[in-house]
Amino acid sequence: MSAVIVTTTPNIEGRKITSYQGIVTGEAIMGANIFKDLFAGIRDIVGGRSATYERELRRAREIAIEELKAAAAEKGANAVVAIDIDYETVGNNGSMLMVTVSGTAVVIS
């Protein structure tokens, strides 16, 4: 699969959007077991930040973006513009964290 360009901007400088292929999304959900692991490693908190938690958030975001790219490629797109990344808690008492990424799949030249 060729590389799919992703950007938060509505266009890509120096490239022309030749067609719009529709909205694409990617999601990743971190379950409760991840939070247990995070709390087990709570001692890595320095200055109010948890390296373990930040690493898991980064991993979830990367998974969601990879899903977004795959969805765009399936539609024949080679880029996704105007992407938006959202973080939400879901489940009982917010026991899971969901990362969603959405944007517009396009063909650029």
N, C-alpha and C. Protein backbone atom coordinates (compact mmCIF):
# COMPACT_ATOMS: atom_id res chain seq x y z
N MET A 1 0.85 -1.18 0.00
CA MET A 1 0.00 0.00 0.00
C MET A 1 0.89 1.24 0.00
N SER A 2 0.61 2.19 -0.88
CA SER A 2 1.38 3.42 -0.89
C SER A 2 0.99 4.28 0.30
N ALA A 3 1.86 5.21 0.64
CA ALA A 3 1.64 6.06 1.81
C ALA A 3 0.45 6.99 1.61
N VAL A 4 -0.37 7.10 2.63
CA VAL A 4 -1.50 8.03 2.62
C VAL A 4 -1.09 9.21 3.48
N ILE A 5 -1.14 10.39 2.92
CA ILE A 5 -0.79 11.61 3.64
C ILE A 5 -1.98 12.01 4.51
N VAL A 6 -1.72 12.38 5.76
CA VAL A 6 -2.78 12.89 6.64
C VAL A 6 -2.38 14.27 7.15
N THR A 7 -3.37 15.14 7.24
CA THR A 7 -3.11 16.50 7.72
C THR A 7 -4.37 17.08 8.36
N THR A 8 -4.15 17.97 9.30
CA THR A 8 -5.29 18.66 9.93
C THR A 8 -5.75 19.85 9.10
N THR A 9 -4.98 20.23 8.11
CA THR A 9 -5.34 21.37 7.26
C THR A 9 -6.33 20.94 6.18
N PRO A 10 -7.08 21.90 5.60
CA PRO A 10 -8.07 21.54 4.58
C PRO A 10 -7.48 21.24 3.20
N ASN A 11 -6.19 21.49 3.03
CA ASN A 11 -5.53 21.20 1.76
C ASN A 11 -4.06 20.92 2.03
N ILE A 12 -3.34 20.52 0.99
CA ILE A 12 -1.92 20.23 1.11
C ILE A 12 -1.19 21.18 0.17
N GLU A 13 -0.37 22.03 0.74
CA GLU A 13 0.31 23.04 -0.05
C GLU A 13 1.09 22.42 -1.21
N GLY A 14 0.91 23.00 -2.39
CA GLY A 14 1.61 22.52 -3.57
C GLY A 14 0.96 21.32 -4.25
N ARG A 15 -0.13 20.81 -3.68
CA ARG A 15 -0.83 19.65 -4.26
C ARG A 15 -2.27 20.06 -4.53
N LYS A 16 -2.85 19.49 -5.58
CA LYS A 16 -4.22 19.81 -5.95
C LYS A 16 -5.13 18.63 -5.62
N ILE A 17 -6.24 18.90 -4.94
CA ILE A 17 -7.24 17.87 -4.68
C ILE A 17 -8.02 17.68 -5.97
N THR A 18 -7.97 16.45 -6.50
CA THR A 18 -8.66 16.18 -7.77
C THR A 18 -10.02 15.51 -7.56
N SER A 19 -10.21 14.84 -6.40
CA SER A 19 -11.54 14.29 -6.10
C SER A 19 -11.67 14.01 -4.60
N TYR A 20 -12.90 14.08 -4.16
CA TYR A 20 -13.23 13.80 -2.77
C TYR A 20 -13.85 12.42 -2.70
N GLN A 21 -13.36 11.58 -1.79
CA GLN A 21 -13.83 10.20 -1.70
C GLN A 21 -14.75 9.95 -0.51
N GLY A 22 -14.94 10.94 0.33
CA GLY A 22 -15.86 10.80 1.47
C GLY A 22 -15.17 10.85 2.82
N ILE A 23 -15.97 10.78 3.83
CA ILE A 23 -15.48 10.83 5.21
C ILE A 23 -14.93 9.46 5.60
N VAL A 24 -13.80 9.48 6.30
CA VAL A 24 -13.21 8.25 6.82
C VAL A 24 -12.94 8.43 8.31
N THR A 25 -12.94 7.32 9.04
CA THR A 25 -12.70 7.36 10.48
C THR A 25 -11.78 6.23 10.91
N GLY A 26 -11.22 6.40 12.07
CA GLY A 26 -10.44 5.35 12.72
C GLY A 26 -10.68 5.46 14.21
N GLU A 27 -10.76 4.33 14.90
CA GLU A 27 -11.02 4.33 16.33
C GLU A 27 -10.08 3.38 17.05
N ALA A 28 -9.81 3.70 18.30
CA ALA A 28 -9.07 2.79 19.17
C ALA A 28 -9.62 2.98 20.58
N ILE A 29 -9.87 1.88 21.26
CA ILE A 29 -10.40 1.94 22.63
C ILE A 29 -9.42 1.23 23.56
N MET A 30 -9.05 1.93 24.62
CA MET A 30 -8.19 1.36 25.65
C MET A 30 -9.10 0.84 26.74
N GLY A 31 -9.02 -0.45 27.02
CA GLY A 31 -9.90 -1.07 28.01
C GLY A 31 -9.43 -0.90 29.44
N ALA A 32 -10.25 -1.39 30.37
CA ALA A 32 -9.98 -1.25 31.81
C ALA A 32 -8.68 -1.92 32.22
N ASN A 33 -8.31 -3.03 31.56
CA ASN A 33 -7.07 -3.71 31.95
C ASN A 33 -5.86 -2.81 31.74
N ILE A 34 -5.92 -1.93 30.75
CA ILE A 34 -4.81 -1.00 30.53
C ILE A 34 -4.70 -0.05 31.71
N PHE A 35 -5.84 0.41 32.24
CA PHE A 35 -5.80 1.31 33.37
C PHE A 35 -5.22 0.61 34.60
N LYS A 36 -5.53 -0.68 34.79
CA LYS A 36 -4.93 -1.42 35.90
C LYS A 36 -3.42 -1.44 35.76
N ASP A 37 -2.95 -1.70 34.54
CA ASP A 37 -1.51 -1.70 34.29
C ASP A 37 -0.91 -0.32 34.55
N LEU A 38 -1.66 0.71 34.17
CA LEU A 38 -1.16 2.07 34.39
C LEU A 38 -1.02 2.36 35.88
N PHE A 39 -2.03 1.96 36.65
CA PHE A 39 -1.97 2.23 38.08
C PHE A 39 -0.89 1.39 38.76
N ALA A 40 -0.61 0.22 38.20
CA ALA A 40 0.47 -0.59 38.73
C ALA A 40 1.80 0.11 38.53
N GLY A 41 1.91 0.89 37.46
CA GLY A 41 3.15 1.63 37.18
C GLY A 41 3.06 3.08 37.57
N ILE A 42 2.23 3.40 38.54
CA ILE A 42 1.99 4.78 38.94
C ILE A 42 3.27 5.49 39.41
N ARG A 43 4.24 4.72 39.84
CA ARG A 43 5.47 5.34 40.33
C ARG A 43 6.25 6.06 39.23
N ASP A 44 5.85 5.89 37.96
CA ASP A 44 6.57 6.60 36.91
C ASP A 44 6.08 8.04 36.74
N ILE A 45 5.19 8.50 37.60
CA ILE A 45 4.69 9.87 37.52
C ILE A 45 5.76 10.84 38.03
N VAL A 46 6.09 11.79 37.18
CA VAL A 46 7.06 12.82 37.52
C VAL A 46 6.46 14.16 37.11
N GLY A 47 6.39 15.08 38.04
CA GLY A 47 5.84 16.40 37.72
C GLY A 47 4.40 16.36 37.29
N GLY A 48 3.60 15.40 37.81
CA GLY A 48 2.18 15.30 37.48
C GLY A 48 1.90 14.61 36.16
N ARG A 49 2.91 14.06 35.51
CA ARG A 49 2.73 13.37 34.22
C ARG A 49 3.08 11.89 34.39
N SER A 50 2.33 11.05 33.71
CA SER A 50 2.60 9.62 33.72
C SER A 50 3.11 9.19 32.35
N ALA A 51 4.36 8.78 32.29
CA ALA A 51 4.94 8.35 31.02
C ALA A 51 4.20 7.14 30.47
N THR A 52 3.77 6.24 31.34
CA THR A 52 3.04 5.04 30.90
C THR A 52 1.72 5.44 30.26
N TYR A 53 0.97 6.31 30.91
CA TYR A 53 -0.32 6.75 30.39
C TYR A 53 -0.15 7.48 29.07
N GLU A 54 0.85 8.36 28.98
CA GLU A 54 1.11 9.09 27.75
C GLU A 54 1.49 8.14 26.62
N ARG A 55 2.25 7.11 26.93
CA ARG A 55 2.65 6.12 25.94
C ARG A 55 1.42 5.37 25.39
N GLU A 56 0.49 5.01 26.28
CA GLU A 56 -0.73 4.31 25.86
C GLU A 56 -1.63 5.21 25.02
N LEU A 57 -1.72 6.49 25.40
CA LEU A 57 -2.51 7.43 24.60
C LEU A 57 -1.90 7.58 23.21
N ARG A 58 -0.59 7.68 23.14
CA ARG A 58 0.11 7.81 21.86
C ARG A 58 -0.15 6.56 21.00
N ARG A 59 -0.08 5.39 21.62
CA ARG A 59 -0.31 4.14 20.90
C ARG A 59 -1.75 4.08 20.36
N ALA A 60 -2.72 4.47 21.18
CA ALA A 60 -4.12 4.48 20.74
C ALA A 60 -4.32 5.46 19.58
N ARG A 61 -3.69 6.62 19.66
CA ARG A 61 -3.81 7.61 18.58
C ARG A 61 -3.19 7.07 17.29
N GLU A 62 -2.02 6.42 17.41
CA GLU A 62 -1.37 5.85 16.22
C GLU A 62 -2.22 4.76 15.58
N ILE A 63 -2.86 3.92 16.40
CA ILE A 63 -3.74 2.88 15.88
C ILE A 63 -4.91 3.50 15.13
N ALA A 64 -5.53 4.52 15.73
CA ALA A 64 -6.67 5.17 15.09
C ALA A 64 -6.27 5.82 13.77
N ILE A 65 -5.10 6.43 13.72
CA ILE A 65 -4.64 7.07 12.47
C ILE A 65 -4.34 6.02 11.41
N GLU A 66 -3.77 4.89 11.81
CA GLU A 66 -3.51 3.82 10.84
C GLU A 66 -4.83 3.27 10.27
N GLU A 67 -5.86 3.14 11.12
CA GLU A 67 -7.17 2.71 10.63
C GLU A 67 -7.75 3.73 9.65
N LEU A 68 -7.58 5.01 9.96
CA LEU A 68 -8.04 6.09 9.08
C LEU A 68 -7.36 5.99 7.72
N LYS A 69 -6.04 5.79 7.72
CA LYS A 69 -5.29 5.66 6.46
C LYS A 69 -5.76 4.45 5.66
N ALA A 70 -5.99 3.33 6.33
CA ALA A 70 -6.46 2.12 5.65
C ALA A 70 -7.84 2.35 5.03
N ALA A 71 -8.73 3.03 5.76
CA ALA A 71 -10.07 3.32 5.24
C ALA A 71 -9.97 4.22 4.01
N ALA A 72 -9.06 5.19 4.05
CA ALA A 72 -8.88 6.09 2.90
C ALA A 72 -8.35 5.32 1.70
N ALA A 73 -7.38 4.46 1.91
CA ALA A 73 -6.81 3.67 0.82
C ALA A 73 -7.87 2.76 0.19
N GLU A 74 -8.76 2.20 1.02
CA GLU A 74 -9.85 1.36 0.50
C GLU A 74 -10.78 2.13 -0.42
N LYS A 75 -10.89 3.44 -0.18
CA LYS A 75 -11.75 4.29 -1.03
C LYS A 75 -10.99 4.82 -2.24
N GLY A 76 -9.71 4.45 -2.37
CA GLY A 76 -8.92 4.90 -3.50
C GLY A 76 -8.25 6.25 -3.28
N ALA A 77 -8.25 6.73 -2.06
CA ALA A 77 -7.65 8.03 -1.75
C ALA A 77 -6.16 7.88 -1.46
N ASN A 78 -5.42 8.96 -1.66
CA ASN A 78 -4.01 8.96 -1.29
C ASN A 78 -3.68 10.02 -0.25
N ALA A 79 -4.74 10.64 0.31
CA ALA A 79 -4.56 11.61 1.38
C ALA A 79 -5.86 11.75 2.18
N VAL A 80 -5.72 12.25 3.39
CA VAL A 80 -6.88 12.59 4.22
C VAL A 80 -6.63 13.99 4.75
N VAL A 81 -7.57 14.89 4.47
CA VAL A 81 -7.43 16.28 4.90
C VAL A 81 -8.43 16.59 6.01
N ALA A 82 -8.17 17.68 6.70
CA ALA A 82 -9.04 18.19 7.76
C ALA A 82 -9.29 17.15 8.84
N ILE A 83 -8.26 16.39 9.23
CA ILE A 83 -8.48 15.38 10.27
C ILE A 83 -8.70 16.04 11.62
N ASP A 84 -9.51 15.37 12.41
CA ASP A 84 -9.83 15.81 13.76
C ASP A 84 -9.60 14.62 14.69
N ILE A 85 -8.94 14.85 15.81
CA ILE A 85 -8.67 13.78 16.78
C ILE A 85 -9.44 14.11 18.06
N ASP A 86 -10.23 13.14 18.53
CA ASP A 86 -11.01 13.32 19.75
C ASP A 86 -10.70 12.22 20.75
N TYR A 87 -10.76 12.57 22.02
CA TYR A 87 -10.56 11.64 23.12
C TYR A 87 -11.81 11.67 23.98
N GLU A 88 -12.37 10.50 24.29
CA GLU A 88 -13.58 10.40 25.11
C GLU A 88 -13.45 9.22 26.06
N THR A 89 -14.11 9.33 27.21
CA THR A 89 -14.22 8.17 28.10
C THR A 89 -15.56 7.52 27.83
N VAL A 90 -15.57 6.19 27.84
CA VAL A 90 -16.80 5.43 27.60
C VAL A 90 -16.88 4.30 28.61
N GLY A 91 -18.03 3.67 28.68
CA GLY A 91 -18.21 2.55 29.59
C GLY A 91 -18.66 3.01 30.96
N ASN A 92 -18.89 2.04 31.84
CA ASN A 92 -19.31 2.35 33.21
C ASN A 92 -18.21 3.12 33.93
N ASN A 93 -18.59 4.26 34.48
CA ASN A 93 -17.66 5.12 35.23
C ASN A 93 -16.47 5.53 34.39
N GLY A 94 -16.63 5.64 33.09
CA GLY A 94 -15.53 6.05 32.22
C GLY A 94 -14.36 5.08 32.27
N SER A 95 -14.66 3.79 32.30
CA SER A 95 -13.61 2.78 32.47
C SER A 95 -12.76 2.55 31.23
N MET A 96 -13.16 3.13 30.10
CA MET A 96 -12.38 2.97 28.87
C MET A 96 -12.15 4.33 28.23
N LEU A 97 -11.05 4.45 27.53
CA LEU A 97 -10.74 5.66 26.80
C LEU A 97 -10.82 5.36 25.31
N MET A 98 -11.55 6.20 24.57
CA MET A 98 -11.69 6.02 23.14
C MET A 98 -11.02 7.18 22.42
N VAL A 99 -10.22 6.85 21.41
CA VAL A 99 -9.61 7.85 20.55
C VAL A 99 -10.24 7.67 19.18
N THR A 100 -10.81 8.75 18.64
CA THR A 100 -11.38 8.69 17.31
C THR A 100 -10.70 9.74 16.42
N VAL A 101 -10.51 9.36 15.18
CA VAL A 101 -9.90 10.25 14.19
C VAL A 101 -10.81 10.24 12.98
N SER A 102 -11.14 11.43 12.46
CA SER A 102 -11.96 11.49 11.26
C SER A 102 -11.43 12.56 10.33
N GLY A 103 -11.74 12.43 9.07
CA GLY A 103 -11.30 13.39 8.07
C GLY A 103 -11.93 13.09 6.74
N THR A 104 -11.53 13.83 5.73
CA THR A 104 -12.06 13.66 4.37
C THR A 104 -10.99 13.01 3.51
N ALA A 105 -11.32 11.84 2.95
CA ALA A 105 -10.42 11.14 2.05
C ALA A 105 -10.46 11.83 0.70
N VAL A 106 -9.27 12.09 0.15
CA VAL A 106 -9.18 12.79 -1.13
C VAL A 106 -8.10 12.15 -2.01
N VAL A 107 -8.19 12.44 -3.29
CA VAL A 107 -7.12 12.09 -4.22
C VAL A 107 -6.42 13.39 -4.56
N ILE A 108 -5.10 13.40 -4.39
CA ILE A 108 -4.31 14.59 -4.71
C ILE A 108 -3.36 14.27 -5.85
N SER A 109 -3.00 15.31 -6.58
CA SER A 109 -2.03 15.13 -7.67
C SER A 109 -0.80 15.96 -7.40
